[in-house]
């Protein structure tokens, strides 16, 4: 590690080739970047990489269905991807398997979920899902026109983000699961503001198989 006499740190930071520039306690330093070979990873590190890889793959799937902007809107101090990974990494075991699908967060935001949100198939083998919830009696105005959204899932595959067409004011209704993925086993529900600028956290419901 070498201390830099000129204040080049104001212009350069991070890694360039095999050299790293950084600042600590207001002093600029430069050092050689560490070299790491693939076969130098410990078994624990390799497992952690599998866990990280699976969570990152989930992001890549959901990013294609317009979920990414939800997470970008939710944080002022980090990018959406970093916020998503922090929220969802605990749902994965070290080997990359999902501990519990209900631990996954498809959506996040500052809006509050309604009380007693429930979802279930209308009948065994049916793609129709009945939903119900209760609103705060004092709820007024624009919150009543928040729209219910859904993402269905099965075996690590996720549907596109789907507006259901039900508003908070309805307090019950039904919708048809997206065609893909077929035979959904879970559905994630959350509400979006009418202007698409704020959301609730998602809630996962187990549907079983058809």
C-alpha atoms as a PDB file:
ATOM      1  CA  UNK A   1       0.000   0.000   0.000  1.00  0.00           C
ATOM      2  CA  UNK A   2       1.345   3.417  -0.961  1.00  0.00           C
ATOM      3  CA  UNK A   3       0.198   6.825   0.238  1.00  0.00           C
ATOM      4  CA  UNK A   4      -0.439   9.339  -2.532  1.00  0.00           C
ATOM      5  CA  UNK A   5       1.185  12.746  -2.192  1.00  0.00           C
ATOM      6  CA  UNK A   6      -1.042  14.462  -4.740  1.00  0.00           C
ATOM      7  CA  UNK A   7      -4.804  14.603  -4.331  1.00  0.00           C
ATOM      8  CA  UNK A   8      -5.542  12.441  -7.358  1.00  0.00           C
ATOM      9  CA  UNK A   9      -8.169  10.636  -5.303  1.00  0.00           C
ATOM     10  CA  UNK A  10     -10.584  13.459  -6.078  1.00  0.00           C
ATOM     11  CA  UNK A  11     -10.377  12.412  -9.712  1.00  0.00           C
ATOM     12  CA  UNK A  12      -9.904   8.648  -9.514  1.00  0.00           C
ATOM     13  CA  UNK A  13     -11.364   5.963  -7.263  1.00  0.00           C
ATOM     14  CA  UNK A  14     -11.881   2.249  -7.595  1.00  0.00           C
ATOM     15  CA  UNK A  15      -9.959  -0.251  -9.667  1.00  0.00           C
ATOM     16  CA  UNK A  16      -8.005   0.429 -12.841  1.00  0.00           C
ATOM     17  CA  UNK A  17      -6.387  -2.712 -14.280  1.00  0.00           C
ATOM     18  CA  UNK A  18      -4.565  -4.286 -11.306  1.00  0.00           C
ATOM     19  CA  UNK A  19      -4.366  -1.059  -9.259  1.00  0.00           C
ATOM     20  CA  UNK A  20      -6.955   0.124  -6.703  1.00  0.00           C
ATOM     21  CA  UNK A  21      -7.330   3.797  -5.694  1.00  0.00           C
ATOM     22  CA  UNK A  22      -9.196   4.542  -2.475  1.00  0.00           C
ATOM     23  CA  UNK A  23      -9.543   7.089   0.321  1.00  0.00           C
ATOM     24  CA  UNK A  24      -9.419   6.394   4.066  1.00  0.00           C
ATOM     25  CA  UNK A  25      -9.775   9.049   6.752  1.00  0.00           C
ATOM     26  CA  UNK A  26      -9.324  11.748   4.140  1.00  0.00           C
ATOM     27  CA  UNK A  27      -6.011  10.306   2.871  1.00  0.00           C
ATOM     28  CA  UNK A  28      -5.643   8.889  -0.652  1.00  0.00           C
ATOM     29  CA  UNK A  29      -3.975   5.506  -1.165  1.00  0.00           C
ATOM     30  CA  UNK A  30      -3.128   3.172  -4.004  1.00  0.00           C
ATOM     31  CA  UNK A  31      -2.523  -0.569  -3.781  1.00  0.00           C
ATOM     32  CA  UNK A  32      -2.342  -3.607  -5.997  1.00  0.00           C
ATOM     33  CA  UNK A  33      -5.676  -5.322  -6.559  1.00  0.00           C
ATOM     34  CA  UNK A  34      -5.922  -8.752  -4.939  1.00  0.00           C
ATOM     35  CA  UNK A  35      -5.715 -11.711  -7.263  1.00  0.00           C
ATOM     36  CA  UNK A  36      -8.239 -14.474  -6.767  1.00  0.00           C
ATOM     37  CA  UNK A  37      -8.367 -17.646  -8.794  1.00  0.00           C
ATOM     38  CA  UNK A  38     -11.520 -19.706  -9.159  1.00  0.00           C
ATOM     39  CA  UNK A  39      -9.942 -22.662  -7.418  1.00  0.00           C
ATOM     40  CA  UNK A  40      -9.049 -20.502  -4.407  1.00  0.00           C
ATOM     41  CA  UNK A  41     -12.672 -20.169  -3.236  1.00  0.00           C
ATOM     42  CA  UNK A  42     -13.468 -21.999  -0.016  1.00  0.00           C
ATOM     43  CA  UNK A  43     -16.481 -24.368   0.037  1.00  0.00           C
ATOM     44  CA  UNK A  44     -18.392 -21.767   2.087  1.00  0.00           C
ATOM     45  CA  UNK A  45     -17.583 -19.029  -0.422  1.00  0.00           C
ATOM     46  CA  UNK A  46     -18.677 -21.226  -3.314  1.00  0.00           C
ATOM     47  CA  UNK A  47     -21.991 -21.885  -1.579  1.00  0.00           C
ATOM     48  CA  UNK A  48     -22.480 -18.176  -0.970  1.00  0.00           C
ATOM     49  CA  UNK A  49     -21.876 -17.520  -4.666  1.00  0.00           C
ATOM     50  CA  UNK A  50     -24.631 -20.018  -5.509  1.00  0.00           C
ATOM     51  CA  UNK A  51     -27.001 -18.209  -3.150  1.00  0.00           C
ATOM     52  CA  UNK A  52     -26.093 -14.834  -4.647  1.00  0.00           C
ATOM     53  CA  UNK A  53     -26.411 -16.196  -8.180  1.00  0.00           C
ATOM     54  CA  UNK A  54     -29.939 -17.511  -7.585  1.00  0.00           C
ATOM     55  CA  UNK A  55     -31.132 -14.229  -6.060  1.00  0.00           C
ATOM     56  CA  UNK A  56     -29.551 -12.317  -8.937  1.00  0.00           C
ATOM     57  CA  UNK A  57     -31.269 -14.616 -11.444  1.00  0.00           C
ATOM     58  CA  UNK A  58     -34.617 -13.835  -9.835  1.00  0.00           C
ATOM     59  CA  UNK A  59     -33.907 -10.125 -10.326  1.00  0.00           C
ATOM     60  CA  UNK A  60     -33.066 -10.721 -13.987  1.00  0.00           C
ATOM     61  CA  UNK A  61     -36.408 -12.483 -14.516  1.00  0.00           C
ATOM     62  CA  UNK A  62     -38.457  -9.828 -12.762  1.00  0.00           C
ATOM     63  CA  UNK A  63     -36.526  -6.968 -14.345  1.00  0.00           C
ATOM     64  CA  UNK A  64     -37.965  -7.976 -17.708  1.00  0.00           C
ATOM     65  CA  UNK A  65     -41.503  -7.601 -16.373  1.00  0.00           C
ATOM     66  CA  UNK A  66     -41.158  -4.003 -15.123  1.00  0.00           C
ATOM     67  CA  UNK A  67     -40.528  -4.917 -11.480  1.00  0.00           C
ATOM     68  CA  UNK A  68     -37.147  -3.155 -11.424  1.00  0.00           C
ATOM     69  CA  UNK A  69     -38.636   0.400 -11.353  1.00  0.00           C
ATOM     70  CA  UNK A  70     -40.540  -0.508  -8.174  1.00  0.00           C
ATOM     71  CA  UNK A  71     -37.264  -1.122  -6.350  1.00  0.00           C
ATOM     72  CA  UNK A  72     -35.562   1.903  -7.907  1.00  0.00           C
ATOM     73  CA  UNK A  73     -38.384   4.102  -6.603  1.00  0.00           C
ATOM     74  CA  UNK A  74     -38.218   2.604  -3.121  1.00  0.00           C
ATOM     75  CA  UNK A  75     -34.703   3.713  -2.212  1.00  0.00           C
ATOM     76  CA  UNK A  76     -32.900   7.023  -2.292  1.00  0.00           C
ATOM     77  CA  UNK A  77     -29.543   5.734  -1.087  1.00  0.00           C
ATOM     78  CA  UNK A  78     -28.924   2.638  -3.233  1.00  0.00           C
ATOM     79  CA  UNK A  79     -29.858   1.323  -6.646  1.00  0.00           C
ATOM     80  CA  UNK A  80     -32.879  -0.941  -7.004  1.00  0.00           C
ATOM     81  CA  UNK A  81     -30.816  -4.061  -7.620  1.00  0.00           C
ATOM     82  CA  UNK A  82     -28.828  -3.650  -4.386  1.00  0.00           C
ATOM     83  CA  UNK A  83     -32.019  -3.020  -2.403  1.00  0.00           C
ATOM     84  CA  UNK A  84     -33.692  -6.063  -3.967  1.00  0.00           C
ATOM     85  CA  UNK A  85     -30.725  -8.308  -3.202  1.00  0.00           C
ATOM     86  CA  UNK A  86     -30.578  -7.169   0.418  1.00  0.00           C
ATOM     87  CA  UNK A  87     -34.276  -7.919   0.865  1.00  0.00           C
ATOM     88  CA  UNK A  88     -34.248 -11.306  -0.866  1.00  0.00           C
ATOM     89  CA  UNK A  89     -30.921 -12.943  -0.044  1.00  0.00           C
ATOM     90  CA  UNK A  90     -32.291 -14.228   3.313  1.00  0.00           C
ATOM     91  CA  UNK A  91     -34.880 -16.261   1.383  1.00  0.00           C
ATOM     92  CA  UNK A  92     -32.142 -18.449  -0.113  1.00  0.00           C
ATOM     93  CA  UNK A  93     -30.131 -21.185   1.552  1.00  0.00           C
ATOM     94  CA  UNK A  94     -26.386 -21.270   0.925  1.00  0.00           C
ATOM     95  CA  UNK A  95     -26.826 -23.897  -1.794  1.00  0.00           C
ATOM     96  CA  UNK A  96     -29.141 -21.544  -3.709  1.00  0.00           C
ATOM     97  CA  UNK A  97     -32.397 -23.295  -2.876  1.00  0.00           C
ATOM     98  CA  UNK A  98     -35.346 -21.213  -1.691  1.00  0.00           C
ATOM     99  CA  UNK A  99     -35.984 -21.670   2.012  1.00  0.00           C
ATOM    100  CA  UNK A 100     -39.606 -20.559   1.689  1.00  0.00           C
ATOM    101  CA  UNK A 101     -41.246 -18.807  -1.303  1.00  0.00           C
ATOM    102  CA  UNK A 102     -43.197 -16.663   1.160  1.00  0.00           C
ATOM    103  CA  UNK A 103     -39.931 -15.036   2.233  1.00  0.00           C
ATOM    104  CA  UNK A 104     -39.371 -13.553  -1.232  1.00  0.00           C
ATOM    105  CA  UNK A 105     -40.278  -9.911  -1.783  1.00  0.00           C
ATOM    106  CA  UNK A 106     -41.391  -9.138  -5.328  1.00  0.00           C
ATOM    107  CA  UNK A 107     -42.402  -5.590  -4.470  1.00  0.00           C
ATOM    108  CA  UNK A 108     -41.551  -3.006  -1.839  1.00  0.00           C
ATOM    109  CA  UNK A 109     -42.606   0.530  -1.074  1.00  0.00           C
ATOM    110  CA  UNK A 110     -44.052   3.002   1.386  1.00  0.00           C
ATOM    111  CA  UNK A 111     -47.726   2.237   0.926  1.00  0.00           C
ATOM    112  CA  UNK A 112     -49.524   0.163   3.562  1.00  0.00           C
ATOM    113  CA  UNK A 113     -51.132  -3.159   2.801  1.00  0.00           C
ATOM    114  CA  UNK A 114     -54.835  -3.499   3.615  1.00  0.00           C
ATOM    115  CA  UNK A 115     -55.910  -5.635   6.535  1.00  0.00           C
ATOM    116  CA  UNK A 116     -56.675  -9.357   6.187  1.00  0.00           C
ATOM    117  CA  UNK A 117     -55.564  -9.706   2.569  1.00  0.00           C
ATOM    118  CA  UNK A 118     -56.447 -13.236   1.417  1.00  0.00           C
ATOM    119  CA  UNK A 119     -56.194 -15.164  -1.864  1.00  0.00           C
ATOM    120  CA  UNK A 120     -57.158 -18.706  -2.885  1.00  0.00           C
ATOM    121  CA  UNK A 121     -58.373 -20.665  -5.890  1.00  0.00           C
ATOM    122  CA  UNK A 122     -62.120 -20.402  -6.467  1.00  0.00           C
ATOM    123  CA  UNK A 123     -62.166 -24.166  -7.036  1.00  0.00           C
ATOM    124  CA  UNK A 124     -59.675 -27.020  -7.218  1.00  0.00           C
ATOM    125  CA  UNK A 125     -57.876 -26.900 -10.556  1.00  0.00           C
ATOM    126  CA  UNK A 126     -59.227 -23.450 -11.374  1.00  0.00           C
ATOM    127  CA  UNK A 127     -57.061 -20.590 -12.629  1.00  0.00           C
ATOM    128  CA  UNK A 128     -59.532 -18.135 -11.085  1.00  0.00           C
ATOM    129  CA  UNK A 129     -58.303 -16.606  -7.832  1.00  0.00           C
ATOM    130  CA  UNK A 130     -60.643 -15.085  -5.269  1.00  0.00           C
ATOM    131  CA  UNK A 131     -59.224 -12.203  -3.242  1.00  0.00           C
ATOM    132  CA  UNK A 132     -60.515 -10.164  -0.330  1.00  0.00           C
ATOM    133  CA  UNK A 133     -59.255  -7.600   2.163  1.00  0.00           C
ATOM    134  CA  UNK A 134     -60.450  -4.948   4.604  1.00  0.00           C
ATOM    135  CA  UNK A 135     -59.789  -1.234   4.389  1.00  0.00           C
ATOM    136  CA  UNK A 136     -59.169   1.111   7.257  1.00  0.00           C
ATOM    137  CA  UNK A 137     -62.552   2.815   7.888  1.00  0.00           C
ATOM    138  CA  UNK A 138     -60.781   6.171   7.830  1.00  0.00           C
ATOM    139  CA  UNK A 139     -59.181   5.600   4.418  1.00  0.00           C
ATOM    140  CA  UNK A 140     -60.069   8.284   1.939  1.00  0.00           C
ATOM    141  CA  UNK A 141     -59.094   9.785  -1.388  1.00  0.00           C
ATOM    142  CA  UNK A 142     -56.386   8.503  -3.671  1.00  0.00           C
ATOM    143  CA  UNK A 143     -55.544   5.403  -1.620  1.00  0.00           C
ATOM    144  CA  UNK A 144     -58.926   3.972  -2.556  1.00  0.00           C
ATOM    145  CA  UNK A 145     -57.866   3.866  -6.215  1.00  0.00           C
ATOM    146  CA  UNK A 146     -54.639   1.945  -5.602  1.00  0.00           C
ATOM    147  CA  UNK A 147     -54.703  -1.071  -7.953  1.00  0.00           C
ATOM    148  CA  UNK A 148     -54.026  -4.694  -7.056  1.00  0.00           C
ATOM    149  CA  UNK A 149     -51.071  -6.256  -8.919  1.00  0.00           C
ATOM    150  CA  UNK A 150     -49.991  -9.900  -9.196  1.00  0.00           C
ATOM    151  CA  UNK A 151     -46.989 -12.042 -10.093  1.00  0.00           C
ATOM    152  CA  UNK A 152     -47.549 -15.810 -10.163  1.00  0.00           C
ATOM    153  CA  UNK A 153     -44.799 -18.385  -9.755  1.00  0.00           C
ATOM    154  CA  UNK A 154     -43.964 -22.049  -9.981  1.00  0.00           C
ATOM    155  CA  UNK A 155     -40.673 -23.898  -9.622  1.00  0.00           C
ATOM    156  CA  UNK A 156     -38.525 -20.760  -9.855  1.00  0.00           C
ATOM    157  CA  UNK A 157     -40.360 -19.286 -12.859  1.00  0.00           C
ATOM    158  CA  UNK A 158     -42.324 -16.052 -12.573  1.00  0.00           C
ATOM    159  CA  UNK A 159     -45.060 -14.405 -14.598  1.00  0.00           C
ATOM    160  CA  UNK A 160     -45.023 -10.891 -15.949  1.00  0.00           C
ATOM    161  CA  UNK A 161     -46.248  -8.183 -13.604  1.00  0.00           C
ATOM    162  CA  UNK A 162     -50.019  -8.217 -14.087  1.00  0.00           C
ATOM    163  CA  UNK A 163     -52.492  -5.443 -13.160  1.00  0.00           C
ATOM    164  CA  UNK A 164     -55.579  -7.181 -11.772  1.00  0.00           C
ATOM    165  CA  UNK A 165     -58.089  -4.388 -12.395  1.00  0.00           C
ATOM    166  CA  UNK A 166     -59.317  -4.382  -8.794  1.00  0.00           C
ATOM    167  CA  UNK A 167     -59.028  -1.204  -6.726  1.00  0.00           C
ATOM    168  CA  UNK A 168     -58.645  -0.953  -2.957  1.00  0.00           C
ATOM    169  CA  UNK A 169     -62.185   0.342  -2.719  1.00  0.00           C
ATOM    170  CA  UNK A 170     -63.568  -3.013  -3.981  1.00  0.00           C
ATOM    171  CA  UNK A 171     -62.355  -5.039  -0.967  1.00  0.00           C
ATOM    172  CA  UNK A 172     -62.995  -8.302  -2.858  1.00  0.00           C
ATOM    173  CA  UNK A 173     -63.140  -9.790  -6.316  1.00  0.00           C
ATOM    174  CA  UNK A 174     -61.467 -12.361  -8.537  1.00  0.00           C
ATOM    175  CA  UNK A 175     -58.941 -12.587 -11.347  1.00  0.00           C
ATOM    176  CA  UNK A 176     -57.423 -15.181 -13.665  1.00  0.00           C
ATOM    177  CA  UNK A 177     -53.822 -16.237 -13.207  1.00  0.00           C
ATOM    178  CA  UNK A 178     -51.427 -15.364 -16.050  1.00  0.00           C
ATOM    179  CA  UNK A 179     -51.054 -18.179 -18.605  1.00  0.00           C
ATOM    180  CA  UNK A 180     -47.305 -18.379 -17.996  1.00  0.00           C
ATOM    181  CA  UNK A 181     -45.941 -20.001 -15.963  1.00  0.00           C
ATOM    182  CA  UNK A 182     -48.474 -22.804 -16.164  1.00  0.00           C
ATOM    183  CA  UNK A 183     -49.684 -24.546 -13.010  1.00  0.00           C
ATOM    184  CA  UNK A 184     -48.723 -21.701 -10.675  1.00  0.00           C
ATOM    185  CA  UNK A 185     -48.173 -22.791  -7.082  1.00  0.00           C
ATOM    186  CA  UNK A 186     -47.838 -19.300  -5.564  1.00  0.00           C
ATOM    187  CA  UNK A 187     -49.041 -15.793  -6.259  1.00  0.00           C
ATOM    188  CA  UNK A 188     -47.528 -12.525  -5.001  1.00  0.00           C
ATOM    189  CA  UNK A 189     -49.992  -9.674  -4.504  1.00  0.00           C
ATOM    190  CA  UNK A 190     -49.384  -5.984  -3.852  1.00  0.00           C
ATOM    191  CA  UNK A 191     -50.984  -2.602  -4.489  1.00  0.00           C
ATOM    192  CA  UNK A 192     -49.733   0.197  -6.744  1.00  0.00           C
ATOM    193  CA  UNK A 193     -50.683   3.859  -6.654  1.00  0.00           C
ATOM    194  CA  UNK A 194     -52.627   5.175  -9.638  1.00  0.00           C
ATOM    195  CA  UNK A 195     -49.601   7.120 -10.886  1.00  0.00           C
ATOM    196  CA  UNK A 196     -47.303   4.092 -10.557  1.00  0.00           C
ATOM    197  CA  UNK A 197     -44.959   5.962  -8.247  1.00  0.00           C
ATOM    198  CA  UNK A 198     -45.487   3.991  -5.044  1.00  0.00           C
ATOM    199  CA  UNK A 199     -46.244   0.439  -3.976  1.00  0.00           C
ATOM    200  CA  UNK A 200     -46.889  -1.816  -1.017  1.00  0.00           C
ATOM    201  CA  UNK A 201     -44.678  -4.715  -0.064  1.00  0.00           C
ATOM    202  CA  UNK A 202     -45.773  -7.971  -1.712  1.00  0.00           C
ATOM    203  CA  UNK A 203     -47.493 -10.839   0.087  1.00  0.00           C
ATOM    204  CA  UNK A 204     -47.153 -14.432  -1.116  1.00  0.00           C
ATOM    205  CA  UNK A 205     -50.058 -16.918  -1.097  1.00  0.00           C
ATOM    206  CA  UNK A 206     -49.630 -20.644  -1.662  1.00  0.00           C
ATOM    207  CA  UNK A 207     -52.091 -21.954  -4.227  1.00  0.00           C
ATOM    208  CA  UNK A 208     -51.073 -25.568  -4.439  1.00  0.00           C
ATOM    209  CA  UNK A 209     -51.062 -27.288  -7.822  1.00  0.00           C
ATOM    210  CA  UNK A 210     -53.931 -27.710 -10.255  1.00  0.00           C
END
